[in-house]
Amino acid sequence: MQQVCCGASHCIAVASTGDVYSWGYGGMGATGHGRDGMAKSSLGEEGSPCQKSGPRLVSCISGVVRIVQASAGLAHTLLLSGI
């Protein structure tokens, strides 16, 4: 991982490949996994609503854009893409 940042209740990790992984509370969409909190994490665990217990690939941008930096806040995530 080239960067890890945390907001109030979620974390974001940016891989050297430009992929983004997130975990934690995503009820406001801050983790990038939509509002379906019952999806499994990459570790195969069921989460409680909107709660991700382990890093999970943000698949909606994987292979579409290359992320170079991230920032996380109270209920948001900012991703910076590279050219």
PDB file of N, CA and C in Angstrom:
ATOM      1  N   MET A   1       0.840  -1.180   0.000  1.00  0.00           N
ATOM      2  CA  MET A   1       0.000   0.000   0.000  1.00  0.00           C
ATOM      3  C   MET A   1       0.884   1.241   0.000  1.00  0.00           C
ATOM      4  N   GLN A   2       0.480   2.209  -0.772  1.00  0.00           N
ATOM      5  CA  GLN A   2       1.281   3.435  -0.813  1.00  0.00           C
ATOM      6  C   GLN A   2       0.730   4.507   0.117  1.00  0.00           C
ATOM      7  N   GLN A   3      -0.564   4.378   0.510  1.00  0.00           N
ATOM      8  CA  GLN A   3      -1.126   5.360   1.432  1.00  0.00           C
ATOM      9  C   GLN A   3      -2.307   4.740   2.173  1.00  0.00           C
ATOM     10  N   VAL A   4      -2.432   5.077   3.436  1.00  0.00           N
ATOM     11  CA  VAL A   4      -3.600   4.716   4.237  1.00  0.00           C
ATOM     12  C   VAL A   4      -4.042   5.970   4.970  1.00  0.00           C
ATOM     13  N   CYS A   5      -5.336   6.271   4.934  1.00  0.00           N
ATOM     14  CA  CYS A   5      -5.859   7.410   5.682  1.00  0.00           C
ATOM     15  C   CYS A   5      -7.176   6.998   6.331  1.00  0.00           C
ATOM     16  N   CYS A   6      -7.510   7.678   7.401  1.00  0.00           N
ATOM     17  CA  CYS A   6      -8.721   7.342   8.140  1.00  0.00           C
ATOM     18  C   CYS A   6      -9.555   8.575   8.418  1.00  0.00           C
ATOM     19  N   GLY A   7     -10.860   8.393   8.296  1.00  0.00           N
ATOM     20  CA  GLY A   7     -11.807   9.421   8.689  1.00  0.00           C
ATOM     21  C   GLY A   7     -12.272   9.124  10.101  1.00  0.00           C
ATOM     22  N   ALA A   8     -13.409   9.633  10.478  1.00  0.00           N
ATOM     23  CA  ALA A   8     -13.928   9.412  11.828  1.00  0.00           C
ATOM     24  C   ALA A   8     -14.264   7.948  12.081  1.00  0.00           C
ATOM     25  N   SER A   9     -14.795   7.242  11.068  1.00  0.00           N
ATOM     26  CA  SER A   9     -15.180   5.850  11.288  1.00  0.00           C
ATOM     27  C   SER A   9     -14.997   4.975  10.048  1.00  0.00           C
ATOM     28  N   HIS A  10     -14.116   5.385   9.148  1.00  0.00           N
ATOM     29  CA  HIS A  10     -13.784   4.552   7.996  1.00  0.00           C
ATOM     30  C   HIS A  10     -12.337   4.807   7.584  1.00  0.00           C
ATOM     31  N   CYS A  11     -11.763   3.837   6.876  1.00  0.00           N
ATOM     32  CA  CYS A  11     -10.380   3.950   6.412  1.00  0.00           C
ATOM     33  C   CYS A  11     -10.298   3.661   4.924  1.00  0.00           C
ATOM     34  N   ILE A  12      -9.303   4.250   4.291  1.00  0.00           N
ATOM     35  CA  ILE A  12      -9.061   4.118   2.859  1.00  0.00           C
ATOM     36  C   ILE A  12      -7.591   3.758   2.668  1.00  0.00           C
ATOM     37  N   ALA A  13      -7.330   2.803   1.790  1.00  0.00           N
ATOM     38  CA  ALA A  13      -5.957   2.443   1.442  1.00  0.00           C
ATOM     39  C   ALA A  13      -5.806   2.513  -0.067  1.00  0.00           C
ATOM     40  N   VAL A  14      -4.726   3.144  -0.514  1.00  0.00           N
ATOM     41  CA  VAL A  14      -4.429   3.248  -1.938  1.00  0.00           C
ATOM     42  C   VAL A  14      -3.239   2.343  -2.233  1.00  0.00           C
ATOM     43  N   ALA A  15      -3.440   1.399  -3.143  1.00  0.00           N
ATOM     44  CA  ALA A  15      -2.376   0.479  -3.530  1.00  0.00           C
ATOM     45  C   ALA A  15      -1.482   1.132  -4.583  1.00  0.00           C
ATOM     46  N   SER A  16      -0.277   0.622  -4.741  1.00  0.00           N
ATOM     47  CA  SER A  16       0.647   1.157  -5.746  1.00  0.00           C
ATOM     48  C   SER A  16       0.110   0.956  -7.161  1.00  0.00           C
ATOM     49  N   THR A  17      -0.839   0.054  -7.334  1.00  0.00           N
ATOM     50  CA  THR A  17      -1.474  -0.175  -8.639  1.00  0.00           C
ATOM     51  C   THR A  17      -2.529   0.871  -8.962  1.00  0.00           C
ATOM     52  N   GLY A  18      -2.906   1.694  -7.975  1.00  0.00           N
ATOM     53  CA  GLY A  18      -3.961   2.689  -8.157  1.00  0.00           C
ATOM     54  C   GLY A  18      -5.320   2.207  -7.706  1.00  0.00           C
ATOM     55  N   ASP A  19      -5.394   0.929  -7.278  1.00  0.00           N
ATOM     56  CA  ASP A  19      -6.650   0.422  -6.721  1.00  0.00           C
ATOM     57  C   ASP A  19      -6.871   0.996  -5.329  1.00  0.00           C
ATOM     58  N   VAL A  20      -8.129   1.081  -4.928  1.00  0.00           N
ATOM     59  CA  VAL A  20      -8.494   1.628  -3.621  1.00  0.00           C
ATOM     60  C   VAL A  20      -9.253   0.570  -2.832  1.00  0.00           C
ATOM     61  N   TYR A  21      -8.908   0.440  -1.565  1.00  0.00           N
ATOM     62  CA  TYR A  21      -9.585  -0.468  -0.645  1.00  0.00           C
ATOM     63  C   TYR A  21     -10.140   0.374   0.494  1.00  0.00           C
ATOM     64  N   SER A  22     -11.298  -0.019   1.006  1.00  0.00           N
ATOM     65  CA  SER A  22     -11.879   0.736   2.117  1.00  0.00           C
ATOM     66  C   SER A  22     -12.558  -0.207   3.089  1.00  0.00           C
ATOM     67  N   TRP A  23     -12.722   0.287   4.322  1.00  0.00           N
ATOM     68  CA  TRP A  23     -13.420  -0.471   5.345  1.00  0.00           C
ATOM     69  C   TRP A  23     -13.892   0.478   6.422  1.00  0.00           C
ATOM     70  N   GLY A  24     -14.834   0.007   7.224  1.00  0.00           N
ATOM     71  CA  GLY A  24     -15.412   0.818   8.285  1.00  0.00           C
ATOM     72  C   GLY A  24     -16.855   1.170   7.982  1.00  0.00           C
ATOM     73  N   TYR A  25     -17.357   2.201   8.621  1.00  0.00           N
ATOM     74  CA  TYR A  25     -18.744   2.617   8.457  1.00  0.00           C
ATOM     75  C   TYR A  25     -18.913   3.344   7.129  1.00  0.00           C
ATOM     76  N   GLY A  26     -19.857   2.882   6.315  1.00  0.00           N
ATOM     77  CA  GLY A  26     -20.073   3.491   5.013  1.00  0.00           C
ATOM     78  C   GLY A  26     -21.506   3.919   4.793  1.00  0.00           C
ATOM     79  N   GLY A  27     -22.220   4.228   5.864  1.00  0.00           N
ATOM     80  CA  GLY A  27     -23.634   4.582   5.760  1.00  0.00           C
ATOM     81  C   GLY A  27     -23.906   5.813   4.915  1.00  0.00           C
ATOM     82  N   MET A  28     -22.965   6.706   4.786  1.00  0.00           N
ATOM     83  CA  MET A  28     -23.131   7.906   3.953  1.00  0.00           C
ATOM     84  C   MET A  28     -22.468   7.713   2.591  1.00  0.00           C
ATOM     85  N   GLY A  29     -22.049   6.482   2.290  1.00  0.00           N
ATOM     86  CA  GLY A  29     -21.379   6.195   1.022  1.00  0.00           C
ATOM     87  C   GLY A  29     -19.892   6.487   1.027  1.00  0.00           C
ATOM     88  N   ALA A  30     -19.326   6.796   2.191  1.00  0.00           N
ATOM     89  CA  ALA A  30     -17.923   7.204   2.272  1.00  0.00           C
ATOM     90  C   ALA A  30     -16.945   6.103   1.889  1.00  0.00           C
ATOM     91  N   THR A  31     -17.362   4.834   1.963  1.00  0.00           N
ATOM     92  CA  THR A  31     -16.443   3.751   1.621  1.00  0.00           C
ATOM     93  C   THR A  31     -16.492   3.379   0.149  1.00  0.00           C
ATOM     94  N   GLY A  32     -17.451   3.922  -0.604  1.00  0.00           N
ATOM     95  CA  GLY A  32     -17.519   3.661  -2.033  1.00  0.00           C
ATOM     96  C   GLY A  32     -18.177   2.355  -2.417  1.00  0.00           C
ATOM     97  N   HIS A  33     -18.863   1.725  -1.476  1.00  0.00           N
ATOM     98  CA  HIS A  33     -19.517   0.444  -1.749  1.00  0.00           C
ATOM     99  C   HIS A  33     -21.033   0.590  -1.820  1.00  0.00           C
ATOM    100  N   GLY A  34     -21.523   1.779  -2.021  1.00  0.00           N
ATOM    101  CA  GLY A  34     -22.959   1.991  -2.048  1.00  0.00           C
ATOM    102  C   GLY A  34     -23.539   1.881  -0.650  1.00  0.00           C
ATOM    103  N   ARG A  35     -24.809   1.683  -0.576  1.00  0.00           N
ATOM    104  CA  ARG A  35     -25.458   1.617   0.732  1.00  0.00           C
ATOM    105  C   ARG A  35     -25.844   0.213   1.133  1.00  0.00           C
ATOM    106  N   ASP A  36     -25.402  -0.784   0.347  1.00  0.00           N
ATOM    107  CA  ASP A  36     -25.684  -2.173   0.675  1.00  0.00           C
ATOM    108  C   ASP A  36     -24.658  -2.662   1.677  1.00  0.00           C
ATOM    109  N   GLY A  37     -24.954  -2.532   2.926  1.00  0.00           N
ATOM    110  CA  GLY A  37     -24.014  -2.895   3.979  1.00  0.00           C
ATOM    111  C   GLY A  37     -23.899  -4.367   4.248  1.00  0.00           C
ATOM    112  N   MET A  38     -24.674  -5.207   3.575  1.00  0.00           N
ATOM    113  CA  MET A  38     -24.599  -6.633   3.849  1.00  0.00           C
ATOM    114  C   MET A  38     -23.652  -7.368   2.903  1.00  0.00           C
ATOM    115  N   ALA A  39     -22.981  -6.647   2.018  1.00  0.00           N
ATOM    116  CA  ALA A  39     -22.019  -7.297   1.128  1.00  0.00           C
ATOM    117  C   ALA A  39     -20.845  -7.820   1.940  1.00  0.00           C
ATOM    118  N   LYS A  40     -20.240  -8.889   1.477  1.00  0.00           N
ATOM    119  CA  LYS A  40     -19.113  -9.477   2.197  1.00  0.00           C
ATOM    120  C   LYS A  40     -17.848  -8.670   1.980  1.00  0.00           C
ATOM    121  N   SER A  41     -16.986  -8.652   2.984  1.00  0.00           N
ATOM    122  CA  SER A  41     -15.685  -8.010   2.848  1.00  0.00           C
ATOM    123  C   SER A  41     -14.780  -8.940   2.053  1.00  0.00           C
ATOM    124  N   SER A  42     -13.585  -8.473   1.713  1.00  0.00           N
ATOM    125  CA  SER A  42     -12.647  -9.308   0.976  1.00  0.00           C
ATOM    126  C   SER A  42     -12.185 -10.496   1.808  1.00  0.00           C
ATOM    127  N   LEU A  43     -12.431 -10.446   3.108  1.00  0.00           N
ATOM    128  CA  LEU A  43     -12.066 -11.550   3.978  1.00  0.00           C
ATOM    129  C   LEU A  43     -13.181 -12.577   4.082  1.00  0.00           C
ATOM    130  N   GLY A  44     -14.305 -12.337   3.383  1.00  0.00           N
ATOM    131  CA  GLY A  44     -15.409 -13.285   3.376  1.00  0.00           C
ATOM    132  C   GLY A  44     -16.323 -13.187   4.580  1.00  0.00           C
ATOM    133  N   GLU A  45     -16.239 -12.113   5.321  1.00  0.00           N
ATOM    134  CA  GLU A  45     -17.068 -11.948   6.518  1.00  0.00           C
ATOM    135  C   GLU A  45     -18.310 -11.140   6.191  1.00  0.00           C
ATOM    136  N   GLU A  46     -19.412 -11.501   6.806  1.00  0.00           N
ATOM    137  CA  GLU A  46     -20.630 -10.698   6.674  1.00  0.00           C
ATOM    138  C   GLU A  46     -20.517  -9.508   7.615  1.00  0.00           C
ATOM    139  N   GLY A  47     -20.841  -8.319   7.126  1.00  0.00           N
ATOM    140  CA  GLY A  47     -20.814  -7.138   7.976  1.00  0.00           C
ATOM    141  C   GLY A  47     -22.207  -6.780   8.431  1.00  0.00           C
ATOM    142  N   SER A  48     -22.299  -6.055   9.513  1.00  0.00           N
ATOM    143  CA  SER A  48     -23.595  -5.522   9.923  1.00  0.00           C
ATOM    144  C   SER A  48     -23.936  -4.404   8.940  1.00  0.00           C
ATOM    145  N   PRO A  49     -25.152  -3.906   8.923  1.00  0.00           N
ATOM    146  CA  PRO A  49     -25.499  -2.884   7.932  1.00  0.00           C
ATOM    147  C   PRO A  49     -24.502  -1.733   7.890  1.00  0.00           C
ATOM    148  N   CYS A  50     -23.963  -1.520   6.696  1.00  0.00           N
ATOM    149  CA  CYS A  50     -23.044  -0.410   6.426  1.00  0.00           C
ATOM    150  C   CYS A  50     -21.713  -0.515   7.147  1.00  0.00           C
ATOM    151  N   GLN A  51     -21.392  -1.640   7.744  1.00  0.00           N
ATOM    152  CA  GLN A  51     -20.145  -1.789   8.479  1.00  0.00           C
ATOM    153  C   GLN A  51     -19.268  -2.825   7.788  1.00  0.00           C
ATOM    154  N   LYS A  52     -18.095  -2.442   7.359  1.00  0.00           N
ATOM    155  CA  LYS A  52     -17.153  -3.348   6.720  1.00  0.00           C
ATOM    156  C   LYS A  52     -15.996  -3.576   7.677  1.00  0.00           C
ATOM    157  N   SER A  53     -15.762  -4.846   8.041  1.00  0.00           N
ATOM    158  CA  SER A  53     -14.752  -5.136   9.046  1.00  0.00           C
ATOM    159  C   SER A  53     -13.354  -5.309   8.483  1.00  0.00           C
ATOM    160  N   GLY A  54     -13.222  -5.449   7.191  1.00  0.00           N
ATOM    161  CA  GLY A  54     -11.896  -5.613   6.611  1.00  0.00           C
ATOM    162  C   GLY A  54     -11.799  -4.902   5.279  1.00  0.00           C
ATOM    163  N   PRO A  55     -10.581  -4.690   4.780  1.00  0.00           N
ATOM    164  CA  PRO A  55     -10.395  -3.991   3.512  1.00  0.00           C
ATOM    165  C   PRO A  55     -11.157  -4.670   2.377  1.00  0.00           C
ATOM    166  N   ARG A  56     -11.797  -3.858   1.551  1.00  0.00           N
ATOM    167  CA  ARG A  56     -12.584  -4.347   0.421  1.00  0.00           C
ATOM    168  C   ARG A  56     -12.314  -3.456  -0.777  1.00  0.00           C
ATOM    169  N   LEU A  57     -12.037  -4.057  -1.916  1.00  0.00           N
ATOM    170  CA  LEU A  57     -11.755  -3.314  -3.139  1.00  0.00           C
ATOM    171  C   LEU A  57     -12.954  -2.458  -3.526  1.00  0.00           C
ATOM    172  N   VAL A  58     -12.695  -1.201  -3.852  1.00  0.00           N
ATOM    173  CA  VAL A  58     -13.752  -0.322  -4.373  1.00  0.00           C
ATOM    174  C   VAL A  58     -13.843  -0.623  -5.867  1.00  0.00           C
ATOM    175  N   SER A  59     -14.690  -1.573  -6.203  1.00  0.00           N
ATOM    176  CA  SER A  59     -14.722  -2.134  -7.550  1.00  0.00           C
ATOM    177  C   SER A  59     -15.271  -1.177  -8.607  1.00  0.00           C
ATOM    178  N   CYS A  60     -16.067  -0.196  -8.220  1.00  0.00           N
ATOM    179  CA  CYS A  60     -16.668   0.706  -9.212  1.00  0.00           C
ATOM    180  C   CYS A  60     -15.632   1.586  -9.919  1.00  0.00           C
ATOM    181  N   ILE A  61     -14.429   1.725  -9.349  1.00  0.00           N
ATOM    182  CA  ILE A  61     -13.394   2.527 -10.014  1.00  0.00           C
ATOM    183  C   ILE A  61     -12.168   1.698 -10.383  1.00  0.00           C
ATOM    184  N   SER A  62     -12.122   0.452  -9.933  1.00  0.00           N
ATOM    185  CA  SER A  62     -10.979  -0.410 -10.206  1.00  0.00           C
ATOM    186  C   SER A  62     -10.830  -0.649 -11.707  1.00  0.00           C
ATOM    187  N   GLY A  63      -9.652  -0.357 -12.235  1.00  0.00           N
ATOM    188  CA  GLY A  63      -9.395  -0.524 -13.658  1.00  0.00           C
ATOM    189  C   GLY A  63      -9.922   0.603 -14.528  1.00  0.00           C
ATOM    190  N   VAL A  64     -10.655   1.538 -13.928  1.00  0.00           N
ATOM    191  CA  VAL A  64     -11.216   2.669 -14.680  1.00  0.00           C
ATOM    192  C   VAL A  64     -10.327   3.898 -14.536  1.00  0.00           C
ATOM    193  N   VAL A  65      -9.935   4.188 -13.313  1.00  0.00           N
ATOM    194  CA  VAL A  65      -9.028   5.301 -13.027  1.00  0.00           C
ATOM    195  C   VAL A  65      -7.924   4.805 -12.110  1.00  0.00           C
ATOM    196  N   ARG A  66      -6.784   5.465 -12.173  1.00  0.00           N
ATOM    197  CA  ARG A  66      -5.666   5.135 -11.284  1.00  0.00           C
ATOM    198  C   ARG A  66      -5.615   6.200 -10.200  1.00  0.00           C
ATOM    199  N   ILE A  67      -5.862   5.789  -8.971  1.00  0.00           N
ATOM    200  CA  ILE A  67      -5.861   6.720  -7.839  1.00  0.00           C
ATOM    201  C   ILE A  67      -4.438   6.844  -7.301  1.00  0.00           C
ATOM    202  N   VAL A  68      -4.013   8.087  -7.037  1.00  0.00           N
ATOM    203  CA  VAL A  68      -2.659   8.324  -6.532  1.00  0.00           C
ATOM    204  C   VAL A  68      -2.644   8.849  -5.096  1.00  0.00           C
ATOM    205  N   GLN A  69      -3.781   9.373  -4.629  1.00  0.00           N
ATOM    206  CA  GLN A  69      -3.818   9.918  -3.271  1.00  0.00           C
ATOM    207  C   GLN A  69      -5.254   9.928  -2.772  1.00  0.00           C
ATOM    208  N   ALA A  70      -5.408   9.801  -1.453  1.00  0.00           N
ATOM    209  CA  ALA A  70      -6.739   9.813  -0.850  1.00  0.00           C
ATOM    210  C   ALA A  70      -6.732  10.658   0.417  1.00  0.00           C
ATOM    211  N   SER A  71      -7.911  11.135   0.777  1.00  0.00           N
ATOM    212  CA  SER A  71      -8.130  11.859   2.022  1.00  0.00           C
ATOM    213  C   SER A  71      -9.492  11.443   2.550  1.00  0.00           C
ATOM    214  N   ALA A  72      -9.601  11.316   3.854  1.00  0.00           N
ATOM    215  CA  ALA A  72     -10.868  10.906   4.462  1.00  0.00           C
ATOM    216  C   ALA A  72     -11.232  11.867   5.580  1.00  0.00           C
ATOM    217  N   GLY A  73     -12.533  12.110   5.741  1.00  0.00           N
ATOM    218  CA  GLY A  73     -13.010  13.015   6.778  1.00  0.00           C
ATOM    219  C   GLY A  73     -14.135  12.394   7.573  1.00  0.00           C
ATOM    220  N   LEU A  74     -14.946  13.227   8.161  1.00  0.00           N
ATOM    221  CA  LEU A  74     -16.034  12.760   9.022  1.00  0.00           C
ATOM    222  C   LEU A  74     -16.967  11.804   8.302  1.00  0.00           C
ATOM    223  N   ALA A  75     -17.449  12.163   7.135  1.00  0.00           N
ATOM    224  CA  ALA A  75     -18.379  11.301   6.391  1.00  0.00           C
ATOM    225  C   ALA A  75     -18.116  11.386   4.891  1.00  0.00           C
ATOM    226  N   HIS A  76     -16.849  11.544   4.515  1.00  0.00           N
ATOM    227  CA  HIS A  76     -16.530  11.650   3.103  1.00  0.00           C
ATOM    228  C   HIS A  76     -15.156  11.065   2.805  1.00  0.00           C
ATOM    229  N   THR A  77     -14.917  10.812   1.538  1.00  0.00           N
ATOM    230  CA  THR A  77     -13.626  10.379   1.040  1.00  0.00           C
ATOM    231  C   THR A  77     -13.332  11.169  -0.227  1.00  0.00           C
ATOM    232  N   LEU A  78     -12.113  11.621  -0.369  1.00  0.00           N
ATOM    233  CA  LEU A  78     -11.675  12.325  -1.572  1.00  0.00           C
ATOM    234  C   LEU A  78     -10.571  11.491  -2.203  1.00  0.00           C
ATOM    235  N   LEU A  79     -10.714  11.195  -3.499  1.00  0.00           N
ATOM    236  CA  LEU A  79      -9.705  10.437  -4.229  1.00  0.00           C
ATOM    237  C   LEU A  79      -9.157  11.283  -5.349  1.00  0.00           C
ATOM    238  N   LEU A  80      -7.840  11.298  -5.491  1.00  0.00           N
ATOM    239  CA  LEU A  80      -7.165  12.055  -6.538  1.00  0.00           C
ATOM    240  C   LEU A  80      -6.624  11.070  -7.562  1.00  0.00           C
ATOM    241  N   SER A  81      -7.041  11.238  -8.810  1.00  0.00           N
ATOM    242  CA  SER A  81      -6.566  10.324  -9.852  1.00  0.00           C
ATOM    243  C   SER A  81      -5.338  10.903 -10.546  1.00  0.00           C
ATOM    244  N   GLY A  82      -4.506   9.999 -11.069  1.00  0.00           N
ATOM    245  CA  GLY A  82      -3.307  10.409 -11.801  1.00  0.00           C
ATOM    246  C   GLY A  82      -3.562  10.347 -13.296  1.00  0.00           C
ATOM    247  N   ILE A  83      -2.712  10.988 -14.016  1.00  0.00           N
ATOM    248  CA  ILE A  83      -2.873  11.003 -15.472  1.00  0.00           C
ATOM    249  C   ILE A  83      -2.090   9.843 -16.062  1.00  0.00           C
TER     250      ILE A  83
END
